[in-house]
Protein backbone atom coordinates (compact mmCIF):
# COMPACT_ATOMS: atom_id res chain seq x y z
CA MET A 1 0.00 0.00 0.00
CA ASP A 2 1.19 3.51 -0.82
CA PRO A 3 2.44 5.01 2.53
CA ILE A 4 0.70 8.31 1.85
CA HIS A 5 -2.54 6.57 0.96
CA GLY A 6 -2.09 4.33 4.02
CA ASN A 7 -1.72 7.33 6.33
CA GLU A 8 -4.81 8.93 4.85
CA THR A 9 -6.78 5.72 5.37
CA SER A 10 -5.59 5.43 8.98
CA GLU A 11 -6.51 9.06 9.62
CA LEU A 12 -9.93 8.50 8.07
CA LEU A 13 -10.60 5.47 10.28
CA GLN A 14 -9.48 7.35 13.39
CA ALA A 15 -11.77 10.22 12.43
CA GLN A 16 -14.64 7.78 12.01
CA THR A 17 -13.98 6.38 15.50
CA HIS A 18 -13.89 9.90 16.94
CA LEU A 19 -17.13 10.79 15.17
CA HIS A 20 -19.03 7.75 16.41
CA LYS A 21 -17.73 8.17 19.96
CA HIS A 22 -19.18 11.68 20.19
CA MET A 23 -22.27 10.97 18.12
CA PHE A 24 -23.23 8.17 20.50
CA ASN A 25 -22.15 9.89 23.73
CA PHE A 26 -25.81 10.27 24.64
CA ILE A 27 -25.96 6.48 25.13
CA SER A 28 -23.59 6.82 28.09
CA SER A 29 -25.88 9.46 29.58
CA MET A 30 -28.99 7.35 29.03
CA SER A 31 -27.29 4.25 30.47
CA LEU A 32 -26.44 6.24 33.60
CA LYS A 33 -30.04 7.43 33.78
CA CYS A 34 -31.21 3.82 33.47
CA ALA A 35 -28.94 2.70 36.33
CA ILE A 36 -30.25 5.48 38.56
CA GLN A 37 -33.88 4.79 37.69
CA LEU A 38 -33.39 1.10 38.50
CA GLY A 39 -31.62 1.98 41.74
CA ILE A 40 -28.55 -0.08 40.86
CA PRO A 41 -26.10 1.97 43.00
CA ASP A 42 -28.34 1.46 46.05
CA ILE A 43 -28.79 -2.26 45.28
CA ILE A 44 -25.02 -2.78 45.18
CA HIS A 45 -24.56 -0.68 48.33
CA LYS A 46 -27.23 -2.57 50.29
CA HIS A 47 -25.84 -5.91 49.08
CA GLY A 48 -22.85 -5.20 51.29
CA GLN A 49 -20.35 -6.92 49.01
CA PRO A 50 -19.57 -7.19 45.27
CA ILE A 51 -22.68 -8.29 43.39
CA THR A 52 -22.67 -10.75 40.49
CA LEU A 53 -24.80 -10.27 37.40
CA PRO A 54 -27.28 -13.04 38.36
CA GLU A 55 -27.62 -11.50 41.84
CA LEU A 56 -28.27 -8.09 40.29
CA VAL A 57 -30.87 -9.57 37.93
CA SER A 58 -32.58 -11.22 40.90
CA ALA A 59 -32.55 -7.99 42.95
CA LEU A 60 -34.10 -6.11 40.02
CA GLN A 61 -36.71 -8.86 39.53
CA MET A 62 -35.92 -8.75 35.83
CA VAL A 63 -37.04 -11.12 33.13
CA PRO A 64 -34.07 -13.55 32.89
CA ALA A 65 -34.15 -13.30 29.09
CA LYS A 66 -32.88 -9.70 29.41
CA THR A 67 -29.83 -10.64 31.49
CA GLY A 68 -27.58 -10.18 28.46
CA HIS A 69 -28.92 -6.69 27.86
CA LEU A 70 -28.24 -5.65 31.45
CA ASN A 71 -24.75 -7.10 31.15
CA ARG A 72 -24.05 -4.86 28.15
CA ILE A 73 -25.37 -1.76 29.91
CA MET A 74 -23.19 -2.52 32.95
CA ARG A 75 -20.20 -3.16 30.65
CA LEU A 76 -20.56 0.36 29.25
CA LEU A 77 -21.00 1.89 32.71
CA VAL A 78 -17.89 0.04 33.92
CA HIS A 79 -16.00 1.40 30.91
CA ASP A 80 -17.25 4.91 31.79
CA GLY A 81 -16.07 4.54 35.40
CA PHE A 82 -19.46 4.46 37.13
CA PHE A 83 -18.94 0.90 38.33
CA ALA A 84 -15.95 -1.44 38.58
CA LYS A 85 -15.55 -5.20 38.31
CA THR A 86 -13.79 -7.53 40.69
CA GLN A 87 -13.41 -11.29 41.17
CA VAL A 88 -15.40 -13.23 43.79
CA HIS A 89 -15.76 -16.93 44.60
CA ASP A 90 -19.16 -18.59 44.64
CA ALA A 91 -20.23 -21.51 46.86
CA SER A 92 -18.28 -23.95 44.71
CA LYS A 93 -15.22 -21.67 44.93
CA GLU A 94 -15.47 -20.89 41.25
CA LYS A 95 -14.30 -17.40 40.25
CA LYS A 96 -16.99 -15.02 39.03
CA GLU A 97 -17.05 -11.36 38.05
CA ALA A 98 -18.94 -9.00 40.32
CA TYR A 99 -19.72 -5.28 40.35
CA VAL A 100 -18.66 -2.73 42.96
CA LEU A 101 -19.35 0.96 43.38
CA THR A 102 -16.91 3.68 42.37
CA ALA A 103 -16.71 7.28 43.60
CA PRO A 104 -18.98 8.54 40.75
CA SER A 105 -21.69 5.93 41.46
CA LYS A 106 -21.58 6.71 45.20
CA LEU A 107 -22.79 10.21 44.33
CA HIS A 108 -26.18 8.65 43.56
CA LEU A 109 -26.78 6.75 46.80
CA LYS A 110 -30.04 7.85 48.39
CA ASP A 111 -28.68 7.70 51.94
CA ARG A 112 -25.67 9.89 51.13
CA ASP A 113 -25.70 13.67 51.39
CA PRO A 114 -25.50 15.18 48.87
CA CYS A 115 -27.22 12.74 46.50
CA PHE A 116 -26.97 13.71 42.83
CA ALA A 117 -29.49 11.20 41.47
CA PRO A 118 -32.44 13.66 41.27
CA TYR A 119 -30.19 16.22 39.57
CA VAL A 120 -29.10 13.73 36.90
CA LEU A 121 -32.68 12.62 36.25
CA ARG A 122 -33.76 16.25 35.95
CA LYS A 123 -30.98 17.10 33.49
CA LEU A 124 -31.71 14.01 31.39
CA ASP A 125 -35.47 14.47 31.36
CA PRO A 126 -36.83 14.60 27.77
CA LYS A 127 -38.26 18.08 28.35
CA ALA A 128 -34.91 19.37 29.59
CA LEU A 129 -33.09 17.82 26.63
CA SER A 130 -35.53 19.01 23.98
CA ILE A 131 -34.20 22.57 24.09
CA TRP A 132 -30.88 21.40 22.61
CA HIS A 133 -32.57 20.44 19.34
CA SER A 134 -33.22 24.15 18.71
CA ILE A 135 -29.78 25.61 19.31
CA GLY A 136 -29.02 26.01 15.58
CA ASP A 137 -32.31 27.77 14.87
CA TRP A 138 -31.76 30.00 17.90
CA LEU A 139 -28.31 31.08 16.69
CA LEU A 140 -29.89 32.29 13.44
CA GLY A 141 -32.88 33.88 15.19
CA ASN A 142 -33.43 37.16 17.03
CA GLU A 143 -34.20 35.97 20.56
CA LEU A 144 -31.54 36.82 23.13
CA THR A 145 -31.63 33.49 24.97
CA LEU A 146 -32.34 29.91 23.97
CA PRO A 147 -35.25 29.54 26.47
CA GLU A 148 -36.87 32.63 24.95
CA HIS A 149 -36.58 31.06 21.51
CA VAL A 150 -38.07 27.72 22.61
CA HIS A 151 -40.48 28.71 25.40
CA GLY A 152 -41.16 32.38 24.76
CA MET A 153 -39.64 33.45 28.09
CA GLY A 154 -36.34 33.40 29.97
CA MET A 155 -35.20 30.78 32.47
CA TRP A 156 -36.07 32.80 35.58
CA ASP A 157 -39.60 33.44 34.33
CA LEU A 158 -39.95 29.73 33.56
CA LEU A 159 -38.86 28.82 37.08
CA SER A 160 -41.20 31.37 38.66
CA GLN A 161 -44.14 29.77 36.83
CA ASN A 162 -43.14 26.18 37.60
CA PRO A 163 -42.81 25.56 41.37
CA GLU A 164 -41.58 21.99 40.90
CA ALA A 165 -38.84 23.08 38.49
CA ARG A 166 -37.87 25.86 40.90
CA LYS A 167 -37.68 23.36 43.75
CA GLN A 168 -35.42 21.09 41.70
CA PHE A 169 -33.23 24.07 40.75
CA ASP A 170 -32.87 25.12 44.41
CA GLU A 171 -32.06 21.53 45.41
CA ALA A 172 -29.34 21.40 42.75
CA MET A 173 -27.84 24.61 44.10
CA GLU A 174 -27.93 23.19 47.63
CA ARG A 175 -26.10 20.03 46.55
CA ASP A 176 -23.44 22.18 44.93
CA SER A 177 -23.13 24.28 48.09
CA LYS A 178 -22.70 21.19 50.27
CA LEU A 179 -19.75 20.03 48.18
CA VAL A 180 -18.20 23.50 48.33
CA SER A 181 -18.72 23.69 52.09
CA LEU A 182 -16.61 20.55 52.58
CA VAL A 183 -13.58 22.58 51.52
CA LEU A 184 -14.55 26.12 52.44
CA CYS A 185 -14.07 25.81 56.20
CA ASP A 186 -10.47 24.71 55.65
CA CYS A 187 -9.76 28.04 53.94
CA LYS A 188 -9.50 29.98 57.21
CA SER A 189 -6.98 32.46 55.82
CA VAL A 190 -9.64 33.73 53.40
CA PHE A 191 -11.73 35.04 56.28
CA GLU A 192 -8.91 36.42 58.45
CA GLY A 193 -9.27 40.11 59.24
CA LEU A 194 -12.89 40.30 58.14
CA GLY A 195 -15.61 41.56 60.46
CA SER A 196 -18.57 41.10 58.16
CA ILE A 197 -19.48 39.18 55.06
CA VAL A 198 -22.40 39.11 52.63
CA GLU A 199 -23.23 36.02 50.60
CA VAL A 200 -25.20 36.81 47.47
CA GLY A 201 -27.58 34.21 46.04
CA GLY A 202 -27.18 31.80 48.95
CA GLY A 203 -30.34 29.81 48.27
CA THR A 204 -31.20 27.50 51.15
CA GLY A 205 -28.40 28.93 53.30
CA THR A 206 -26.18 25.83 53.42
CA VAL A 207 -22.90 27.72 53.04
CA ALA A 208 -24.14 30.54 55.29
CA LYS A 209 -24.82 28.17 58.19
CA ILE A 210 -21.51 26.37 57.89
CA ILE A 211 -19.35 29.50 57.63
CA SER A 212 -21.21 31.43 60.35
CA GLU A 213 -20.76 28.47 62.72
CA ALA A 214 -17.10 27.99 61.81
CA PHE A 215 -16.31 31.72 62.14
CA PRO A 216 -18.56 33.09 64.94
CA HIS A 217 -16.72 36.44 64.96
CA LEU A 218 -18.12 37.24 61.49
CA LYS A 219 -21.31 39.22 61.07
CA TYR A 220 -22.80 37.15 58.24
CA THR A 221 -25.62 38.28 55.95
CA MET A 222 -27.08 36.08 53.23
CA LEU A 223 -28.92 37.95 50.47
CA ASP A 224 -31.39 36.28 48.15
CA LEU A 225 -34.83 36.95 46.71
CA PRO A 226 -37.50 37.54 49.40
CA TYR A 227 -39.41 34.32 48.73
CA VAL A 228 -36.18 32.30 49.04
CA VAL A 229 -35.28 33.61 52.51
CA ALA A 230 -38.86 33.95 53.82
CA ASN A 231 -38.75 30.79 55.95
CA LEU A 232 -35.07 30.84 56.95
CA THR A 233 -34.15 31.57 60.57
CA GLY A 234 -30.92 33.33 61.50
CA ASN A 235 -29.02 33.63 64.78
CA GLU A 236 -26.70 36.05 66.60
CA ASN A 237 -24.18 36.34 63.78
CA LEU A 238 -26.30 35.17 60.83
CA ASN A 239 -28.97 37.26 59.16
CA TYR A 240 -31.07 36.46 56.09
CA ALA A 241 -31.99 39.46 53.95
CA GLY A 242 -34.51 39.56 51.12
CA GLY A 243 -33.49 41.63 48.12
CA ASP A 244 -32.23 41.69 44.54
CA MET A 245 -28.47 41.62 44.07
CA PHE A 246 -28.89 43.41 40.76
CA GLN A 247 -30.39 46.37 42.63
CA ALA A 248 -28.29 46.68 45.79
CA ILE A 249 -25.94 44.66 47.99
CA PRO A 250 -25.61 45.36 51.75
CA PRO A 251 -22.20 46.84 52.63
CA ALA A 252 -19.65 44.48 54.18
CA ASP A 253 -15.93 43.70 54.36
CA ALA A 254 -16.34 40.90 51.84
CA VAL A 255 -18.96 39.56 49.50
CA LEU A 256 -19.22 35.81 49.00
CA LEU A 257 -21.07 35.21 45.78
CA LYS A 258 -21.46 32.89 42.85
CA ILE A 259 -22.40 35.58 40.35
CA LEU A 260 -20.32 38.73 40.08
CA LYS A 261 -22.44 41.86 39.57
CA ASN A 262 -21.51 45.37 40.68
CA CYS A 263 -19.92 44.20 43.91
CA LYS A 264 -17.13 46.71 44.33
CA GLU A 265 -19.48 49.31 45.83
CA ALA A 266 -20.67 46.77 48.41
CA ILE A 267 -17.30 46.53 50.14
CA SER A 268 -16.93 48.74 53.22
CA SER A 269 -14.21 51.36 53.12
CA LYS A 270 -13.03 51.00 56.73
CA GLY A 271 -9.38 51.55 56.07
CA LYS A 272 -8.49 47.88 56.43
CA GLY A 273 -9.42 46.84 52.92
CA GLY A 274 -12.08 44.51 51.68
CA LYS A 275 -12.43 41.92 48.98
CA VAL A 276 -14.92 40.05 46.88
CA ILE A 277 -14.86 36.26 47.26
CA ILE A 278 -16.13 34.27 44.29
CA ILE A 279 -16.65 30.53 43.97
CA ASP A 280 -16.86 29.79 40.26
CA MET A 281 -15.23 27.96 37.39
CA VAL A 282 -12.01 29.06 35.74
CA ILE A 283 -11.31 27.28 32.46
CA ASN A 284 -7.65 26.48 31.82
CA GLU A 285 -7.38 24.35 28.70
CA MET A 286 -3.56 24.48 28.63
CA THR A 287 -2.78 22.92 32.04
CA GLU A 288 -5.90 21.04 33.15
CA GLU A 289 -6.60 17.36 32.61
CA HIS A 290 -8.73 16.73 29.53
CA GLU A 291 -11.69 15.37 31.52
CA LEU A 292 -11.75 18.39 33.86
CA THR A 293 -11.69 20.86 30.96
CA ALA A 294 -14.40 18.87 29.15
CA ALA A 295 -16.66 19.03 32.20
CA LYS A 296 -16.18 22.79 32.45
CA LEU A 297 -16.89 23.25 28.75
CA TYR A 298 -20.10 21.23 29.15
CA PHE A 299 -21.12 23.53 32.01
CA ASP A 300 -20.34 26.50 29.78
CA MET A 301 -22.61 25.13 27.06
CA ASN A 302 -25.27 24.39 29.68
CA LEU A 303 -25.30 28.10 30.57
CA ILE A 304 -26.17 28.86 26.95
CA ALA A 305 -29.24 26.67 27.31
CA ALA A 306 -30.13 28.20 30.66
CA CYS A 307 -29.55 31.94 30.65
CA ASN A 308 -26.98 32.92 28.01
CA GLY A 309 -24.28 32.97 30.68
CA GLN A 310 -20.75 31.67 30.35
CA GLU A 311 -17.85 30.10 32.21
CA ARG A 312 -14.62 32.12 31.97
CA ASN A 313 -10.91 31.52 31.64
CA GLU A 314 -8.47 33.49 33.78
CA LYS A 315 -7.96 36.17 31.14
CA GLN A 316 -11.71 36.80 30.98
CA TRP A 317 -11.94 36.97 34.79
CA GLU A 318 -9.05 39.45 34.86
CA LYS A 319 -10.72 41.64 32.24
CA LEU A 320 -13.95 41.57 34.25
CA PHE A 321 -12.18 42.59 37.46
CA MET A 322 -10.21 45.39 35.84
CA GLU A 323 -13.32 46.81 34.18
CA ALA A 324 -15.13 46.72 37.53
CA GLY A 325 -12.32 48.69 39.17
CA PHE A 326 -10.50 45.93 41.03
CA ARG A 327 -6.71 46.20 41.15
CA ASN A 328 -5.71 42.62 41.92
CA TYR A 329 -7.01 39.07 42.28
CA LYS A 330 -6.01 35.55 43.36
CA ILE A 331 -7.29 32.22 42.03
CA ALA A 332 -6.99 28.94 43.94
CA PRO A 333 -8.37 25.83 42.15
CA ILE A 334 -9.37 23.94 45.32
CA PHE A 335 -13.01 23.02 44.66
CA GLY A 336 -12.70 20.45 41.88
CA LEU A 337 -14.63 22.05 39.04
CA LYS A 338 -14.68 25.40 40.81
CA SER A 339 -12.03 27.76 42.12
CA LEU A 340 -11.82 30.14 45.05
CA ILE A 341 -11.31 33.62 43.60
CA GLU A 342 -10.46 36.72 45.64
CA ALA A 343 -10.67 40.17 44.03
CA TYR A 344 -9.24 43.28 45.71
CA PRO A 345 -10.31 46.89 45.00
């Protein structure tokens, strides 16, 4: 075979593999959804030891004729890292393959907090996925956001008219906050020298409670929309305030927020300096692992479908800070997908 022609053929076949991998990526998502719907992570967890395929079929009360189909679904989920296989011995001491949980599948256990199973099912619901079929038409249309193109209104209006969707959204934010809070209390240096702090868009108050308890010297205010904070109860150093962060932010030595919007004016000028604390994604395609960057890029695309927002790289964050009047910033990638960002006026 001509070497040049051979290289072209090899490249073509590799391209075909790449194409099919991404074209069929949705099958991985749907297989994960299937496992969650069937409660497979919980079945393995409650089994108390590695579970064989026949044992899993029995626990699911499946038609035995579909055992082979379940085996193929589990094979894909093992390949994707949601489960792992190990060797066990049956009563006759014969070796058999059995499934065990991995860190990603443990995220979906119902007795663990946070549990991501409802979030996954919500994201993979047919109604939630249908909006993606219109992204090309939206790009050529006049509507500002994709939800406006598909539903005739923006995401926040949609949530305000759908209490169940709003509840699911708030629960997703709470799960995110719980993961962040696992790390946040170890960042004591971030809160040194501060007398007060305002958290903007705190939702159910998960982060507020944890930080106010860990740092009782702080006067902590959590700002969110009035209906969000209506039933939340504060304490001596924790206050819940109803308001709109796009209108005004209570003054404080620092502002802990997930969305940066006109925060510089909210920092007290008490002669000791203040700062804005942000927990958000910072995309770094040059130094990050491929999987981490891919996850961040998926989140960035998800913001297109939600509210026309975006995830930023460090250069974009720097530009945003400079335009807002901040003189310096620090970024610490300590939250997995998210980073701890401090901006100084």
